[in-house]
Protein backbone atom coordinates (compact mmCIF):
# COMPACT_ATOMS: atom_id res chain seq x y z
CA MET A 1 -150.16 -27.78 -16.58
CA SER A 2 -152.00 -24.53 -17.26
CA THR A 3 -154.97 -22.88 -15.55
CA ALA A 4 -158.03 -21.93 -17.60
CA LYS A 5 -160.54 -19.47 -16.14
CA LYS A 6 -164.15 -19.83 -17.37
CA ASP A 7 -167.51 -18.52 -16.26
CA VAL A 8 -169.05 -21.99 -16.49
CA ILE A 9 -167.54 -25.48 -16.39
CA ILE A 10 -169.81 -28.35 -17.41
CA ILE A 11 -168.78 -31.93 -16.66
CA GLY A 12 -170.26 -34.33 -19.21
CA ALA A 13 -170.86 -33.78 -22.93
CA GLY A 14 -174.03 -35.80 -23.27
CA ALA A 15 -177.47 -34.47 -24.20
CA ALA A 16 -177.99 -32.39 -21.04
CA GLY A 17 -174.44 -31.02 -20.90
CA LEU A 18 -174.43 -30.01 -24.56
CA MET A 19 -177.77 -28.22 -24.27
CA CYS A 20 -176.66 -26.40 -21.12
CA ALA A 21 -173.38 -25.33 -22.77
CA ILE A 22 -175.22 -23.94 -25.79
CA GLU A 23 -177.63 -21.89 -23.67
CA ALA A 24 -174.97 -20.56 -21.31
CA GLY A 25 -172.78 -19.67 -24.28
CA LYS A 26 -175.63 -17.79 -25.94
CA ARG A 27 -175.78 -15.58 -22.85
CA GLY A 28 -172.18 -14.54 -23.46
CA ARG A 29 -170.80 -16.78 -20.71
CA SER A 30 -167.40 -18.36 -21.33
CA VAL A 31 -168.00 -22.11 -21.20
CA ALA A 32 -165.79 -25.19 -21.13
CA LEU A 33 -167.44 -28.57 -21.58
CA LEU A 34 -165.30 -31.37 -20.12
CA GLU A 35 -165.83 -34.90 -21.43
CA HIS A 36 -163.89 -37.93 -20.19
CA ALA A 37 -164.59 -39.94 -23.38
CA GLU A 38 -162.96 -39.52 -26.77
CA LYS A 39 -166.10 -38.02 -28.36
CA ILE A 40 -169.27 -36.20 -27.37
CA GLY A 41 -172.81 -37.56 -27.26
CA LYS A 42 -171.98 -41.26 -27.11
CA LYS A 43 -175.39 -42.22 -25.71
CA ILE A 44 -177.12 -40.08 -28.33
CA LEU A 45 -175.25 -41.99 -31.05
CA ILE A 46 -176.49 -45.42 -29.93
CA SER A 47 -180.03 -44.40 -29.01
CA GLY A 48 -183.00 -45.51 -31.08
CA GLY A 49 -180.96 -48.13 -32.89
CA GLY A 50 -178.64 -45.39 -34.15
CA ARG A 51 -181.46 -43.09 -35.22
CA CYS A 52 -181.96 -41.26 -31.91
CA ASN A 53 -185.46 -41.12 -30.43
CA PHE A 54 -184.76 -37.47 -29.63
CA THR A 55 -188.10 -36.54 -28.02
CA ASN A 56 -191.73 -37.49 -27.65
CA LEU A 57 -194.58 -35.30 -28.90
CA TYR A 58 -196.63 -36.07 -25.80
CA SER A 59 -193.93 -35.70 -23.16
CA ASN A 60 -195.37 -34.32 -19.93
CA PRO A 61 -194.70 -34.63 -16.17
CA GLN A 62 -196.79 -37.83 -15.99
CA ASN A 63 -194.11 -39.56 -18.07
CA PHE A 64 -191.51 -39.22 -15.29
CA LEU A 65 -190.85 -40.86 -11.94
CA SER A 66 -189.19 -39.14 -9.02
CA GLN A 67 -189.59 -38.94 -5.26
CA ASN A 68 -190.98 -35.49 -6.03
CA GLY A 69 -193.26 -35.77 -9.06
CA HIS A 70 -193.66 -31.97 -9.24
CA PHE A 71 -189.97 -31.15 -9.61
CA CYS A 72 -189.74 -31.72 -13.38
CA LYS A 73 -192.74 -29.52 -14.23
CA SER A 74 -190.92 -26.19 -14.34
CA ALA A 75 -188.12 -27.23 -16.70
CA LEU A 76 -190.41 -29.28 -18.96
CA SER A 77 -192.79 -26.35 -19.35
CA ARG A 78 -190.00 -23.96 -20.36
CA PHE A 79 -188.41 -26.19 -22.98
CA THR A 80 -190.95 -28.41 -24.70
CA PRO A 81 -190.77 -31.06 -27.44
CA ALA A 82 -191.86 -28.33 -29.88
CA ASP A 83 -188.80 -26.27 -28.91
CA PHE A 84 -186.42 -29.12 -29.69
CA ILE A 85 -188.27 -29.90 -32.92
CA ARG A 86 -187.72 -26.28 -34.00
CA LEU A 87 -183.99 -26.77 -33.44
CA ILE A 88 -184.01 -30.01 -35.45
CA GLU A 89 -185.89 -28.30 -38.28
CA LYS A 90 -183.59 -25.27 -38.20
CA HIS A 91 -180.73 -27.64 -39.06
CA GLY A 92 -182.71 -29.42 -41.80
CA ILE A 93 -182.73 -32.80 -40.06
CA ALA A 94 -185.47 -35.05 -41.45
CA TYR A 95 -187.44 -36.98 -38.85
CA HIS A 96 -190.55 -39.11 -38.43
CA GLU A 97 -192.95 -40.30 -35.76
CA LYS A 98 -192.55 -44.03 -35.23
CA LYS A 99 -195.42 -44.61 -32.78
CA LEU A 100 -196.94 -43.14 -29.63
CA GLY A 101 -195.35 -39.73 -30.30
CA GLN A 102 -191.80 -41.10 -30.54
CA LEU A 103 -189.70 -38.99 -32.92
CA PHE A 104 -186.65 -40.42 -34.71
CA CYS A 105 -184.15 -39.10 -37.24
CA ASP A 106 -184.81 -40.42 -40.75
CA LYS A 107 -181.09 -40.97 -41.25
CA SER A 108 -178.74 -41.09 -38.29
CA ALA A 109 -178.26 -39.99 -34.67
CA ARG A 110 -174.97 -38.51 -35.88
CA GLU A 111 -177.02 -35.62 -37.30
CA VAL A 112 -178.23 -34.69 -33.81
CA VAL A 113 -174.69 -34.77 -32.39
CA ALA A 114 -173.41 -32.70 -35.33
CA MET A 115 -176.22 -30.20 -34.79
CA LEU A 116 -175.36 -29.81 -31.09
CA GLN A 117 -171.66 -29.49 -31.88
CA LYS A 118 -172.42 -26.78 -34.45
CA GLU A 119 -174.58 -24.91 -31.91
CA CYS A 120 -171.74 -25.16 -29.37
CA ARG A 121 -169.29 -23.66 -31.84
CA ALA A 122 -171.70 -20.82 -32.60
CA ALA A 123 -172.05 -20.13 -28.87
CA GLY A 124 -168.27 -20.11 -28.34
CA VAL A 125 -168.23 -23.24 -26.21
CA GLU A 126 -164.86 -24.94 -25.71
CA ILE A 127 -165.17 -28.75 -25.75
CA VAL A 128 -162.33 -30.64 -24.06
CA LEU A 129 -162.24 -34.41 -24.75
CA ASN A 130 -160.37 -37.19 -22.93
CA CYS A 131 -160.56 -34.99 -19.87
CA ASN A 132 -160.99 -36.87 -16.60
CA VAL A 133 -161.74 -34.83 -13.50
CA SER A 134 -159.57 -35.81 -10.54
CA GLU A 135 -160.49 -33.24 -7.89
CA ILE A 136 -162.95 -30.42 -7.26
CA GLN A 137 -162.54 -27.68 -4.66
CA LYS A 138 -164.79 -24.77 -3.79
CA GLY A 139 -163.69 -21.48 -2.34
CA GLN A 140 -164.57 -18.15 -3.86
CA GLU A 141 -164.75 -20.12 -7.11
CA PHE A 142 -164.67 -23.73 -8.20
CA ARG A 143 -161.30 -25.32 -8.94
CA ILE A 144 -161.60 -28.38 -11.18
CA GLN A 145 -158.40 -30.39 -11.49
CA THR A 146 -158.26 -32.64 -14.56
CA VAL A 147 -155.64 -34.89 -16.13
CA ARG A 148 -155.03 -32.09 -18.64
CA ASP A 149 -155.37 -28.71 -16.94
CA LEU A 150 -156.72 -26.88 -13.93
CA PHE A 151 -160.00 -25.09 -14.63
CA THR A 152 -161.59 -22.43 -12.47
CA SER A 153 -165.15 -21.17 -12.75
CA ASP A 154 -167.94 -19.32 -11.00
CA SER A 155 -170.48 -22.00 -11.95
CA LEU A 156 -170.08 -25.77 -12.12
CA VAL A 157 -172.70 -27.93 -13.86
CA ILE A 158 -172.70 -31.70 -13.34
CA ALA A 159 -174.11 -33.43 -16.42
CA SER A 160 -172.18 -36.69 -16.17
CA GLY A 161 -175.22 -38.98 -16.19
CA GLY A 162 -175.96 -42.07 -14.15
CA LEU A 163 -174.70 -45.64 -13.95
CA SER A 164 -176.44 -47.13 -16.98
CA ILE A 165 -174.39 -48.70 -19.78
CA PRO A 166 -170.93 -48.70 -18.14
CA LYS A 167 -169.35 -49.95 -21.37
CA MET A 168 -170.17 -46.47 -22.75
CA GLY A 169 -168.11 -44.97 -19.93
CA ALA A 170 -170.78 -44.39 -17.26
CA THR A 171 -169.36 -43.62 -13.80
CA ASP A 172 -170.64 -42.53 -10.40
CA ILE A 173 -168.77 -39.21 -10.45
CA ALA A 174 -172.04 -37.23 -10.19
CA TYR A 175 -172.82 -38.94 -6.88
CA GLN A 176 -169.24 -38.64 -5.63
CA ILE A 177 -169.36 -34.88 -6.18
CA ALA A 178 -172.78 -34.68 -4.51
CA ARG A 179 -171.52 -36.48 -1.42
CA GLN A 180 -168.43 -34.27 -1.32
CA PHE A 181 -170.74 -31.25 -1.06
CA LYS A 182 -173.10 -33.01 1.39
CA LEU A 183 -176.01 -33.32 -1.07
CA THR A 184 -178.43 -36.22 -0.57
CA VAL A 185 -178.47 -38.95 -3.22
CA THR A 186 -181.60 -41.11 -3.37
CA PRO A 187 -181.10 -44.87 -3.88
CA THR A 188 -180.25 -45.73 -7.47
CA ALA A 189 -181.37 -48.72 -9.54
CA PRO A 190 -181.31 -49.81 -13.17
CA GLY A 191 -184.32 -48.49 -15.11
CA LEU A 192 -185.83 -49.43 -18.48
CA VAL A 193 -184.11 -52.80 -18.16
CA PRO A 194 -185.02 -56.45 -18.97
CA LEU A 195 -186.21 -58.61 -16.08
CA VAL A 196 -184.56 -61.91 -15.12
CA CYS A 197 -186.71 -64.91 -14.18
CA ASP A 198 -185.99 -68.08 -12.21
CA GLN A 199 -185.07 -71.47 -13.62
CA LYS A 200 -188.62 -72.80 -13.24
CA PHE A 201 -189.90 -70.04 -15.54
CA LEU A 202 -187.01 -70.43 -17.98
CA SER A 203 -187.41 -74.21 -18.19
CA VAL A 204 -190.81 -73.56 -19.80
CA PHE A 205 -190.66 -70.13 -21.42
CA GLY A 206 -186.93 -69.78 -22.11
CA ALA A 207 -187.45 -71.79 -25.29
CA LEU A 208 -189.71 -68.98 -26.57
CA SER A 209 -186.80 -66.50 -26.77
CA GLY A 210 -187.57 -63.98 -29.52
CA ILE A 211 -191.37 -64.34 -29.38
CA SER A 212 -193.36 -61.22 -28.45
CA VAL A 213 -196.93 -60.77 -27.22
CA ASP A 214 -199.03 -57.62 -27.03
CA ALA A 215 -199.94 -57.29 -23.35
CA GLU A 216 -200.71 -54.97 -20.46
CA VAL A 217 -198.20 -55.22 -17.62
CA LEU A 218 -198.95 -54.03 -14.08
CA CYS A 219 -196.76 -53.51 -11.00
CA ASN A 220 -197.13 -51.29 -7.93
CA GLY A 221 -200.26 -49.59 -9.26
CA VAL A 222 -198.71 -48.66 -12.63
CA SER A 223 -199.50 -50.29 -15.97
CA PHE A 224 -198.18 -50.19 -19.53
CA ARG A 225 -199.68 -51.60 -22.71
CA GLU A 226 -197.12 -52.66 -25.33
CA ASN A 227 -195.29 -55.82 -26.38
CA ILE A 228 -193.52 -58.16 -24.00
CA LEU A 229 -190.61 -60.18 -25.36
CA PHE A 230 -189.42 -63.57 -24.12
CA THR A 231 -185.65 -63.84 -23.73
CA HIS A 232 -183.24 -66.58 -22.71
CA ARG A 233 -182.98 -64.85 -19.30
CA GLY A 234 -186.61 -63.84 -18.72
CA LEU A 235 -188.71 -60.99 -20.10
CA SER A 236 -188.03 -57.82 -22.07
CA GLY A 237 -189.84 -55.73 -24.69
CA PRO A 238 -191.25 -52.20 -24.32
CA ALA A 239 -193.91 -53.01 -21.68
CA ILE A 240 -191.39 -54.87 -19.49
CA LEU A 241 -188.75 -52.15 -19.84
CA GLN A 242 -191.34 -49.57 -18.80
CA ILE A 243 -192.54 -51.50 -15.75
CA SER A 244 -188.97 -52.32 -14.67
CA SER A 245 -188.52 -48.74 -13.47
CA TYR A 246 -191.32 -49.34 -10.94
CA TRP A 247 -190.39 -52.93 -10.01
CA LYS A 248 -188.63 -53.68 -6.71
CA ALA A 249 -187.00 -56.94 -5.60
CA GLY A 250 -189.64 -59.43 -4.50
CA ASP A 251 -192.47 -57.80 -6.46
CA SER A 252 -194.67 -59.79 -8.79
CA VAL A 253 -195.55 -58.46 -12.22
CA GLU A 254 -199.09 -59.07 -13.44
CA ILE A 255 -199.47 -59.63 -17.17
CA ASN A 256 -202.78 -59.32 -19.00
CA LEU A 257 -202.17 -61.29 -22.18
CA LEU A 258 -205.47 -60.21 -23.76
CA PRO A 259 -206.10 -56.58 -22.77
CA ASN A 260 -209.43 -55.08 -23.89
CA THR A 261 -210.81 -58.59 -24.44
CA ASP A 262 -213.20 -60.57 -22.22
CA LEU A 263 -211.88 -64.09 -22.71
CA TYR A 264 -214.41 -65.67 -20.37
CA SER A 265 -217.32 -64.34 -22.48
CA ILE A 266 -215.65 -65.62 -25.66
CA LEU A 267 -215.12 -69.06 -24.13
CA LYS A 268 -218.72 -69.13 -22.87
CA THR A 269 -219.96 -68.27 -26.36
CA ASN A 270 -217.91 -71.17 -27.71
CA ALA A 271 -218.62 -73.55 -24.84
CA LEU A 272 -219.85 -76.29 -27.20
CA SER A 273 -216.81 -76.10 -29.48
CA ARG A 274 -214.99 -79.37 -30.09
CA MET A 275 -211.76 -77.48 -30.80
CA LYS A 276 -208.93 -78.10 -28.32
CA LEU A 277 -208.16 -75.18 -26.05
CA ASP A 278 -204.66 -74.46 -27.38
CA ASN A 279 -205.87 -74.50 -30.99
CA PHE A 280 -208.76 -72.19 -30.09
CA LEU A 281 -206.48 -69.70 -28.31
CA ALA A 282 -204.01 -69.77 -31.22
CA GLN A 283 -206.30 -67.24 -32.93
CA PHE A 284 -205.04 -64.70 -30.37
CA PHE A 285 -201.42 -65.80 -29.85
CA SER A 286 -198.51 -67.44 -31.60
CA LYS A 287 -198.94 -71.22 -31.65
CA ARG A 288 -195.62 -71.84 -29.88
CA PHE A 289 -196.45 -69.52 -27.01
CA ILE A 290 -199.99 -70.67 -26.34
CA GLU A 291 -199.03 -74.34 -26.50
CA LYS A 292 -196.41 -73.77 -23.78
CA PHE A 293 -198.76 -71.62 -21.73
CA CYS A 294 -201.64 -74.12 -21.89
CA GLU A 295 -199.40 -77.10 -21.15
CA THR A 296 -198.13 -75.30 -18.05
CA PHE A 297 -201.41 -74.14 -16.55
CA PHE A 298 -204.26 -76.33 -17.87
CA GLU A 299 -205.21 -79.81 -18.88
CA VAL A 300 -205.58 -79.30 -22.63
CA LYS A 301 -208.79 -80.77 -24.06
CA PRO A 302 -211.72 -79.74 -26.29
CA ILE A 303 -213.52 -76.66 -24.99
CA TYR A 304 -216.86 -78.44 -24.56
CA GLN A 305 -215.28 -80.67 -21.93
CA TYR A 306 -214.58 -77.76 -19.56
CA VAL A 307 -217.18 -76.75 -16.98
CA ASP A 308 -217.93 -73.08 -16.27
CA LYS A 309 -215.52 -72.97 -13.33
CA ASP A 310 -212.73 -74.17 -15.65
CA LEU A 311 -213.51 -71.47 -18.22
CA LYS A 312 -213.25 -68.79 -15.52
CA LYS A 313 -209.94 -70.25 -14.38
CA ILE A 314 -208.57 -70.22 -17.94
CA ALA A 315 -209.67 -66.62 -18.52
CA ASN A 316 -208.22 -65.54 -15.17
CA ALA A 317 -204.85 -67.14 -15.98
CA ILE A 318 -204.69 -65.32 -19.33
CA HIS A 319 -205.79 -61.95 -17.92
CA HIS A 320 -203.87 -62.13 -14.62
CA TRP A 321 -200.65 -64.06 -15.23
CA ARG A 322 -198.37 -63.36 -12.28
CA VAL A 323 -194.62 -63.62 -12.77
CA THR A 324 -192.11 -62.90 -9.99
CA PRO A 325 -188.74 -61.91 -11.47
CA ILE A 326 -185.60 -62.61 -9.46
CA GLY A 327 -183.81 -59.49 -10.66
CA THR A 328 -182.93 -57.32 -13.63
CA GLU A 329 -180.15 -57.49 -16.20
CA GLY A 330 -178.50 -54.62 -14.33
CA TYR A 331 -176.85 -51.40 -15.41
CA ASP A 332 -175.15 -53.15 -18.34
CA LYS A 333 -178.51 -53.40 -20.11
CA ALA A 334 -180.37 -50.52 -18.43
CA GLU A 335 -181.22 -47.54 -20.60
CA VAL A 336 -181.38 -45.20 -17.59
CA THR A 337 -180.62 -44.92 -13.89
CA CYS A 338 -183.55 -44.49 -11.51
CA GLY A 339 -182.88 -42.30 -8.48
CA GLY A 340 -179.96 -39.89 -8.13
CA ILE A 341 -179.49 -36.40 -6.73
CA ASP A 342 -182.42 -35.70 -4.42
CA THR A 343 -184.61 -33.06 -6.05
CA ASN A 344 -185.11 -31.44 -2.63
CA GLU A 345 -181.47 -30.34 -2.94
CA LEU A 346 -182.10 -28.38 -6.15
CA SER A 347 -184.10 -25.42 -7.41
CA SER A 348 -186.67 -26.70 -9.92
CA LYS A 349 -186.38 -23.37 -11.77
CA THR A 350 -182.59 -23.15 -12.13
CA MET A 351 -181.33 -26.69 -11.24
CA GLU A 352 -178.90 -24.99 -8.81
CA SER A 353 -178.00 -26.56 -5.49
CA LYS A 354 -179.75 -24.94 -2.53
CA LYS A 355 -176.69 -25.58 -0.35
CA VAL A 356 -173.80 -24.81 -2.71
CA PRO A 357 -174.18 -21.59 -4.74
CA GLY A 358 -173.03 -22.05 -8.33
CA LEU A 359 -173.33 -25.86 -8.35
CA TYR A 360 -175.92 -27.26 -10.75
CA TYR A 361 -177.15 -30.78 -11.54
CA ILE A 362 -178.97 -31.76 -14.74
CA GLY A 363 -180.01 -34.78 -16.79
CA GLU A 364 -179.86 -38.40 -15.70
CA ALA A 365 -177.82 -37.62 -12.59
CA VAL A 366 -180.94 -36.10 -11.01
CA ASP A 367 -183.73 -38.18 -9.46
CA VAL A 368 -185.99 -37.73 -12.50
CA THR A 369 -186.43 -40.75 -14.77
CA GLY A 370 -188.52 -40.78 -17.93
CA HIS A 371 -190.56 -43.49 -19.54
CA LEU A 372 -189.36 -45.24 -22.68
CA GLY A 373 -189.86 -43.38 -25.95
CA GLY A 374 -187.86 -40.14 -26.02
CA HIS A 375 -188.87 -38.77 -22.61
CA ASN A 376 -185.39 -39.05 -21.06
CA PHE A 377 -183.92 -37.02 -23.89
CA GLN A 378 -186.64 -34.41 -23.37
CA TRP A 379 -185.65 -34.21 -19.68
CA ALA A 380 -182.00 -33.80 -20.73
CA TRP A 381 -182.84 -30.96 -23.14
CA ALA A 382 -185.21 -29.27 -20.67
CA SER A 383 -183.00 -29.51 -17.57
CA GLY A 384 -179.95 -28.47 -19.59
CA PHE A 385 -181.85 -25.49 -21.01
CA ALA A 386 -183.03 -24.47 -17.53
CA ALA A 387 -179.55 -24.52 -16.01
CA GLY A 388 -178.10 -22.80 -19.07
CA GLN A 389 -180.27 -19.74 -18.39
CA TYR A 390 -178.68 -19.21 -14.95
CA ALA A 391 -175.26 -20.90 -14.73
């Protein structure tokens, strides 16, 4: 087993690690990028249905959650969506905006991985695959023992991600290393993940699996307006995935099934209608959904037979439907990990540990979690870029 001396060792060849390697290499630093999997960028390859939602035009600090909401500002301001778009365009990768600023490759996520690999080659980065780290020591320099070789370096960057999607090889090595060096790790939880509901809910709405409804979803003072999707286990869809990052066990989720609409006024205007309630509401919803909803919460009859108090109750149920999930579908189905390395441990400018000189943390391993729609990739690029300027 040989010993390889480098200026910078980066553990994890995902989005953040690749970007950091490129930037450090451009500075003339000798860089080795260690990846335990058989190929780089595995999460990039599966993202966006294989087309990679590589950033969001409108990404800003408000699109991220953290115990310190200010921490992400520095990195995000120094490497913006426009900066990554310039890189994409430099390599001739065609892309499009899907909705809400979400940018996707026209062809394949493989183009983004190939682009990053090409940039690594140009920067002289050595990529070592199938390389599990077994031990890390710190003296005058870092000593990183792997199944292949011993590496030594002045700087060590942890870009190994969080716990989401273990079938892709996710591990807790980032947190193990943090604890070894006495860094605080905030509690972690699955983020951007479907919610699981109880049997009472599923006995009614489980049969609607595959049906989606445009809605506004609220929890803990945060709201998102997009589709919700009924599943055989509970609720999913963009609005549910978004709110899941803010949901805690025991919380209720409030669902406004007709945002920007005053249903009570509409019902009052049609108070003499002889149309049955479910048929009337079918103008706003799928027939299958509204039939189930009405059967569950109201006595279904012609609208003219309801008194004013009933109409208010109906409108309130539609605008303020409260569902209390019993859990989430866990890290297996989570797109990200909430929580991670406490941002108080790191410099927001350099991503370097305040306690351990030369140790850096970037990407999903840090307690910075983006909303759905390309924001987590933007954090990966930005945090990787920031560390790459100093490591």
